[in-house]
Amino acid sequence: MLSRQARIVELVSLGARVPIYRLLERATFRAETTAMLGHVFEDVLKELRLVNRQDPVTELIAEKLIELASAGERDPLRLKQKTLEAVRGSGPGR
């Protein structure tokens, strides 16, 4: 089993293929938050049935997740819900 830090390094190395890990390289989140965001990102893609990690929508999803986390949200379920609402256009004020 990989240590938490080794797992983060492994995930970030996927950045060329998976947008969130590339974008997270520029962010200043703790390792635990980075790992959690990666899991939420994958959950959102699964829910939307997006399998092509090169699809431009995946980058928009990654950007939204990072935006929400940068604003202080840390609950994985709320992050997922808010990201799905934003992507589907059903968020507050829509």
C-alpha atoms as a PDB file:
ATOM      1  CA  MET A   1       0.000   0.000   0.000  1.00  0.00           C
ATOM      2  CA  LEU A   2       1.311   3.438  -0.929  1.00  0.00           C
ATOM      3  CA  SER A   3       1.800   6.135   1.655  1.00  0.00           C
ATOM      4  CA  ARG A   4      -0.489   9.135   1.389  1.00  0.00           C
ATOM      5  CA  GLN A   5       2.320  11.308   0.019  1.00  0.00           C
ATOM      6  CA  ALA A   6       3.318   8.654  -2.533  1.00  0.00           C
ATOM      7  CA  ARG A   7      -0.305   8.414  -3.659  1.00  0.00           C
ATOM      8  CA  ILE A   8      -0.498  12.186  -4.158  1.00  0.00           C
ATOM      9  CA  VAL A   9       2.675  12.119  -6.223  1.00  0.00           C
ATOM     10  CA  GLU A  10       1.248   9.267  -8.267  1.00  0.00           C
ATOM     11  CA  LEU A  11      -2.017  11.145  -8.832  1.00  0.00           C
ATOM     12  CA  VAL A  12      -0.274  14.367  -9.795  1.00  0.00           C
ATOM     13  CA  SER A  13       1.869  12.435 -12.263  1.00  0.00           C
ATOM     14  CA  LEU A  14      -1.377  11.532 -14.040  1.00  0.00           C
ATOM     15  CA  GLY A  15      -1.935  15.228 -14.729  1.00  0.00           C
ATOM     16  CA  ALA A  16      -1.135  14.929 -18.403  1.00  0.00           C
ATOM     17  CA  ARG A  17      -4.097  12.584 -18.764  1.00  0.00           C
ATOM     18  CA  VAL A  18      -6.454  13.762 -16.023  1.00  0.00           C
ATOM     19  CA  PRO A  19      -7.131  17.504 -15.786  1.00  0.00           C
ATOM     20  CA  ILE A  20      -7.727  17.788 -12.056  1.00  0.00           C
ATOM     21  CA  TYR A  21      -4.295  16.473 -11.123  1.00  0.00           C
ATOM     22  CA  ARG A  22      -2.590  18.870 -13.515  1.00  0.00           C
ATOM     23  CA  LEU A  23      -4.608  21.782 -12.117  1.00  0.00           C
ATOM     24  CA  LEU A  24      -3.965  20.710  -8.536  1.00  0.00           C
ATOM     25  CA  GLU A  25      -0.231  21.062  -9.086  1.00  0.00           C
ATOM     26  CA  ARG A  26      -0.805  24.827  -9.056  1.00  0.00           C
ATOM     27  CA  ALA A  27      -3.096  24.774  -6.011  1.00  0.00           C
ATOM     28  CA  THR A  28      -2.046  25.083  -2.391  1.00  0.00           C
ATOM     29  CA  PHE A  29      -4.155  22.370  -0.795  1.00  0.00           C
ATOM     30  CA  ARG A  30      -3.018  19.933   1.847  1.00  0.00           C
ATOM     31  CA  ALA A  31      -2.283  16.402   0.664  1.00  0.00           C
ATOM     32  CA  GLU A  32      -5.507  15.055   2.190  1.00  0.00           C
ATOM     33  CA  THR A  33      -7.575  17.672   0.379  1.00  0.00           C
ATOM     34  CA  THR A  34      -5.822  16.982  -2.905  1.00  0.00           C
ATOM     35  CA  ALA A  35      -6.560  13.276  -2.582  1.00  0.00           C
ATOM     36  CA  MET A  36     -10.186  13.942  -1.631  1.00  0.00           C
ATOM     37  CA  LEU A  37     -10.659  16.259  -4.618  1.00  0.00           C
ATOM     38  CA  GLY A  38      -9.288  13.563  -6.895  1.00  0.00           C
ATOM     39  CA  HIS A  39     -11.842  11.100  -5.542  1.00  0.00           C
ATOM     40  CA  VAL A  40     -14.707  13.583  -5.872  1.00  0.00           C
ATOM     41  CA  PHE A  41     -13.597  14.366  -9.433  1.00  0.00           C
ATOM     42  CA  GLU A  42     -13.718  10.667 -10.332  1.00  0.00           C
ATOM     43  CA  ASP A  43     -17.147  10.313  -8.669  1.00  0.00           C
ATOM     44  CA  VAL A  44     -18.519  13.247 -10.674  1.00  0.00           C
ATOM     45  CA  LEU A  45     -17.175  11.826 -13.926  1.00  0.00           C
ATOM     46  CA  LYS A  46     -18.675   8.430 -13.098  1.00  0.00           C
ATOM     47  CA  GLU A  47     -22.053   9.995 -12.313  1.00  0.00           C
ATOM     48  CA  LEU A  48     -21.983  11.877 -15.636  1.00  0.00           C
ATOM     49  CA  ARG A  49     -20.702   8.778 -17.459  1.00  0.00           C
ATOM     50  CA  LEU A  50     -17.667  10.632 -18.756  1.00  0.00           C
ATOM     51  CA  VAL A  51     -14.884   8.191 -19.565  1.00  0.00           C
ATOM     52  CA  ASN A  52     -12.718  10.255 -21.899  1.00  0.00           C
ATOM     53  CA  ARG A  53     -10.382  12.209 -19.624  1.00  0.00           C
ATOM     54  CA  GLN A  54      -9.422  14.386 -22.603  1.00  0.00           C
ATOM     55  CA  ASP A  55     -13.006  15.625 -23.016  1.00  0.00           C
ATOM     56  CA  PRO A  56     -12.996  19.412 -22.409  1.00  0.00           C
ATOM     57  CA  VAL A  57     -15.913  18.989 -19.994  1.00  0.00           C
ATOM     58  CA  THR A  58     -13.605  17.136 -17.602  1.00  0.00           C
ATOM     59  CA  GLU A  59     -11.422  20.230 -17.327  1.00  0.00           C
ATOM     60  CA  LEU A  60     -14.467  22.377 -16.552  1.00  0.00           C
ATOM     61  CA  ILE A  61     -15.439  19.914 -13.836  1.00  0.00           C
ATOM     62  CA  ALA A  62     -11.927  20.018 -12.385  1.00  0.00           C
ATOM     63  CA  GLU A  63     -11.911  23.810 -12.417  1.00  0.00           C
ATOM     64  CA  LYS A  64     -15.292  23.957 -10.654  1.00  0.00           C
ATOM     65  CA  LEU A  65     -14.167  21.518  -7.957  1.00  0.00           C
ATOM     66  CA  ILE A  66     -11.022  23.522  -7.318  1.00  0.00           C
ATOM     67  CA  GLU A  67     -13.029  26.761  -7.244  1.00  0.00           C
ATOM     68  CA  LEU A  68     -15.385  25.322  -4.625  1.00  0.00           C
ATOM     69  CA  ALA A  69     -12.528  23.950  -2.527  1.00  0.00           C
ATOM     70  CA  SER A  70     -10.667  27.262  -2.786  1.00  0.00           C
ATOM     71  CA  ALA A  71     -13.773  28.944  -1.385  1.00  0.00           C
ATOM     72  CA  GLY A  72     -13.515  26.673   1.639  1.00  0.00           C
ATOM     73  CA  GLU A  73     -15.827  23.751   0.880  1.00  0.00           C
ATOM     74  CA  ARG A  74     -14.324  20.486   2.140  1.00  0.00           C
ATOM     75  CA  ASP A  75     -17.293  18.151   2.418  1.00  0.00           C
ATOM     76  CA  PRO A  76     -16.969  15.596  -0.407  1.00  0.00           C
ATOM     77  CA  LEU A  77     -20.722  15.111  -0.771  1.00  0.00           C
ATOM     78  CA  ARG A  78     -21.411  18.843  -1.019  1.00  0.00           C
ATOM     79  CA  LEU A  79     -18.507  19.275  -3.439  1.00  0.00           C
ATOM     80  CA  LYS A  80     -19.924  16.549  -5.650  1.00  0.00           C
ATOM     81  CA  GLN A  81     -23.471  17.931  -5.451  1.00  0.00           C
ATOM     82  CA  LYS A  82     -22.426  21.527  -6.167  1.00  0.00           C
ATOM     83  CA  THR A  83     -20.210  20.459  -9.054  1.00  0.00           C
ATOM     84  CA  LEU A  84     -22.970  18.355 -10.604  1.00  0.00           C
ATOM     85  CA  GLU A  85     -25.426  21.248 -10.205  1.00  0.00           C
ATOM     86  CA  ALA A  86     -23.010  23.614 -11.931  1.00  0.00           C
ATOM     87  CA  VAL A  87     -22.371  21.220 -14.807  1.00  0.00           C
ATOM     88  CA  ARG A  88     -26.029  20.421 -15.243  1.00  0.00           C
ATOM     89  CA  GLY A  89     -27.042  24.070 -14.919  1.00  0.00           C
ATOM     90  CA  SER A  90     -29.398  23.449 -12.026  1.00  0.00           C
ATOM     91  CA  GLY A  91     -27.609  25.362  -9.312  1.00  0.00           C
ATOM     92  CA  PRO A  92     -29.092  28.209  -7.274  1.00  0.00           C
ATOM     93  CA  GLY A  93     -30.296  31.104  -9.377  1.00  0.00           C
ATOM     94  CA  ARG A  94     -30.786  29.017 -12.495  1.00  0.00           C
END
